[in-house]
């Protein structure tokens, strides 16, 4: 078992569901979807710390197995603490080279609050 595998935690995709409210509007809900494992690390660079002080969201790097795809604006929850993240890139952009023995892909994400 590699260190990277040991760092991975269970997460779950959250699917956005919009239903009619019978009054001409709609209701938003978030339903649990596929489970996957990810290693999530906070971006603690000086630039990011300055950006957070100026009001930007916390930024994270999320590493998943290359067989699981995360797309731009996918939302997921870390099971351990129910922290919610929104993906800000695509796994297709950062998959390990096929010759690599490490079968991973990575995305960037921001801490996010589910809209009501």
Protein backbone atom coordinates (compact mmCIF):
# COMPACT_ATOMS: atom_id res chain seq x y z
CA UNK A 1 0.00 0.00 0.00
CA UNK A 2 1.51 3.32 -1.06
CA UNK A 3 1.55 6.50 0.99
CA UNK A 4 -0.82 8.06 -1.54
CA UNK A 5 -3.29 5.20 -1.11
CA UNK A 6 -3.05 5.54 2.67
CA UNK A 7 -3.91 9.25 2.39
CA UNK A 8 -7.09 8.60 0.42
CA UNK A 9 -10.42 9.04 2.19
CA UNK A 10 -13.93 8.07 1.22
CA UNK A 11 -15.89 10.77 -0.59
CA UNK A 12 -19.26 10.87 -2.30
CA UNK A 13 -20.49 12.78 -5.34
CA UNK A 14 -23.49 15.03 -4.65
CA UNK A 15 -26.01 15.16 -7.49
CA UNK A 16 -28.01 18.33 -7.96
CA UNK A 17 -31.74 17.63 -8.26
CA UNK A 18 -34.23 20.37 -9.15
CA UNK A 19 -37.96 19.71 -8.73
CA UNK A 20 -41.06 21.82 -9.38
CA UNK A 21 -42.57 23.28 -6.23
CA UNK A 22 -46.13 23.49 -7.69
CA UNK A 23 -46.08 27.30 -7.38
CA UNK A 24 -44.20 28.12 -10.59
CA UNK A 25 -40.77 27.79 -8.98
CA UNK A 26 -38.47 24.98 -8.06
CA UNK A 27 -36.70 23.38 -5.14
CA UNK A 28 -33.03 22.43 -5.16
CA UNK A 29 -31.77 19.32 -3.41
CA UNK A 30 -28.47 17.43 -3.27
CA UNK A 31 -28.61 13.65 -3.34
CA UNK A 32 -25.68 11.33 -2.59
CA UNK A 33 -24.20 9.64 -5.64
CA UNK A 34 -21.15 7.50 -6.40
CA UNK A 35 -18.57 6.77 -3.72
CA UNK A 36 -14.89 7.24 -4.49
CA UNK A 37 -11.57 7.63 -2.69
CA UNK A 38 -9.52 10.81 -2.84
CA UNK A 39 -6.49 12.39 -1.21
CA UNK A 40 -7.35 16.03 -0.51
CA UNK A 41 -4.63 18.58 0.31
CA UNK A 42 -5.13 22.27 1.03
CA UNK A 43 -3.18 24.71 -1.13
CA UNK A 44 -1.15 26.62 1.45
CA UNK A 45 1.04 28.65 -0.91
CA UNK A 46 1.70 32.28 -0.07
CA UNK A 47 -0.34 33.36 -3.07
CA UNK A 48 -3.33 31.31 -1.91
CA UNK A 49 -3.06 32.65 1.64
CA UNK A 50 -3.16 36.21 0.29
CA UNK A 51 -6.13 35.34 -1.95
CA UNK A 52 -8.04 33.85 0.99
CA UNK A 53 -7.45 37.01 3.03
CA UNK A 54 -8.95 38.96 0.14
CA UNK A 55 -12.09 36.82 0.22
CA UNK A 56 -11.41 33.95 -2.19
CA UNK A 57 -12.38 30.40 -1.25
CA UNK A 58 -9.95 27.88 0.19
CA UNK A 59 -8.27 25.91 -2.62
CA UNK A 60 -7.40 22.21 -2.61
CA UNK A 61 -5.70 19.62 -4.78
CA UNK A 62 -7.72 16.41 -5.06
CA UNK A 63 -6.04 13.21 -6.25
CA UNK A 64 -8.22 10.29 -7.40
CA UNK A 65 -7.61 7.00 -9.15
CA UNK A 66 -7.44 7.55 -12.91
CA UNK A 67 -10.47 5.29 -13.39
CA UNK A 68 -12.69 7.88 -11.65
CA UNK A 69 -13.46 11.11 -13.45
CA UNK A 70 -14.37 14.44 -11.87
CA UNK A 71 -15.61 17.23 -14.08
CA UNK A 72 -15.66 20.99 -13.74
CA UNK A 73 -18.24 22.05 -11.11
CA UNK A 74 -18.88 18.52 -9.79
CA UNK A 75 -19.72 18.72 -6.10
CA UNK A 76 -18.62 16.12 -3.58
CA UNK A 77 -18.57 15.54 0.16
CA UNK A 78 -15.76 14.06 2.24
CA UNK A 79 -17.42 11.38 4.40
CA UNK A 80 -15.19 11.84 7.48
CA UNK A 81 -16.25 15.41 8.26
CA UNK A 82 -18.97 16.19 5.67
CA UNK A 83 -16.80 18.94 4.15
CA UNK A 84 -18.18 19.91 0.73
CA UNK A 85 -16.00 20.76 -2.27
CA UNK A 86 -16.68 22.00 -5.81
CA UNK A 87 -14.29 20.95 -8.55
CA UNK A 88 -12.62 23.81 -10.44
CA UNK A 89 -10.80 21.79 -13.12
CA UNK A 90 -11.13 18.44 -14.96
CA UNK A 91 -9.41 15.10 -14.34
CA UNK A 92 -8.93 14.75 -18.12
CA UNK A 93 -6.46 17.65 -17.92
CA UNK A 94 -4.19 15.99 -15.32
CA UNK A 95 -4.08 12.22 -15.77
CA UNK A 96 -0.76 10.47 -15.09
CA UNK A 97 1.11 9.40 -18.21
CA UNK A 98 0.21 5.83 -19.30
CA UNK A 99 3.83 4.75 -18.71
CA UNK A 100 3.60 5.79 -15.07
CA UNK A 101 3.19 3.13 -12.39
CA UNK A 102 1.03 5.54 -10.40
CA UNK A 103 -2.50 5.45 -11.80
CA UNK A 104 -3.87 8.81 -10.66
CA UNK A 105 -5.52 11.96 -11.87
CA UNK A 106 -5.85 15.26 -10.07
CA UNK A 107 -8.16 18.22 -9.99
CA UNK A 108 -8.35 21.48 -8.13
CA UNK A 109 -11.32 22.23 -5.92
CA UNK A 110 -12.66 24.88 -3.59
CA UNK A 111 -14.42 24.49 -0.27
CA UNK A 112 -18.08 25.12 -1.00
CA UNK A 113 -21.38 25.69 0.75
CA UNK A 114 -24.39 23.93 -0.77
CA UNK A 115 -26.96 26.49 -1.95
CA UNK A 116 -30.35 26.18 -0.33
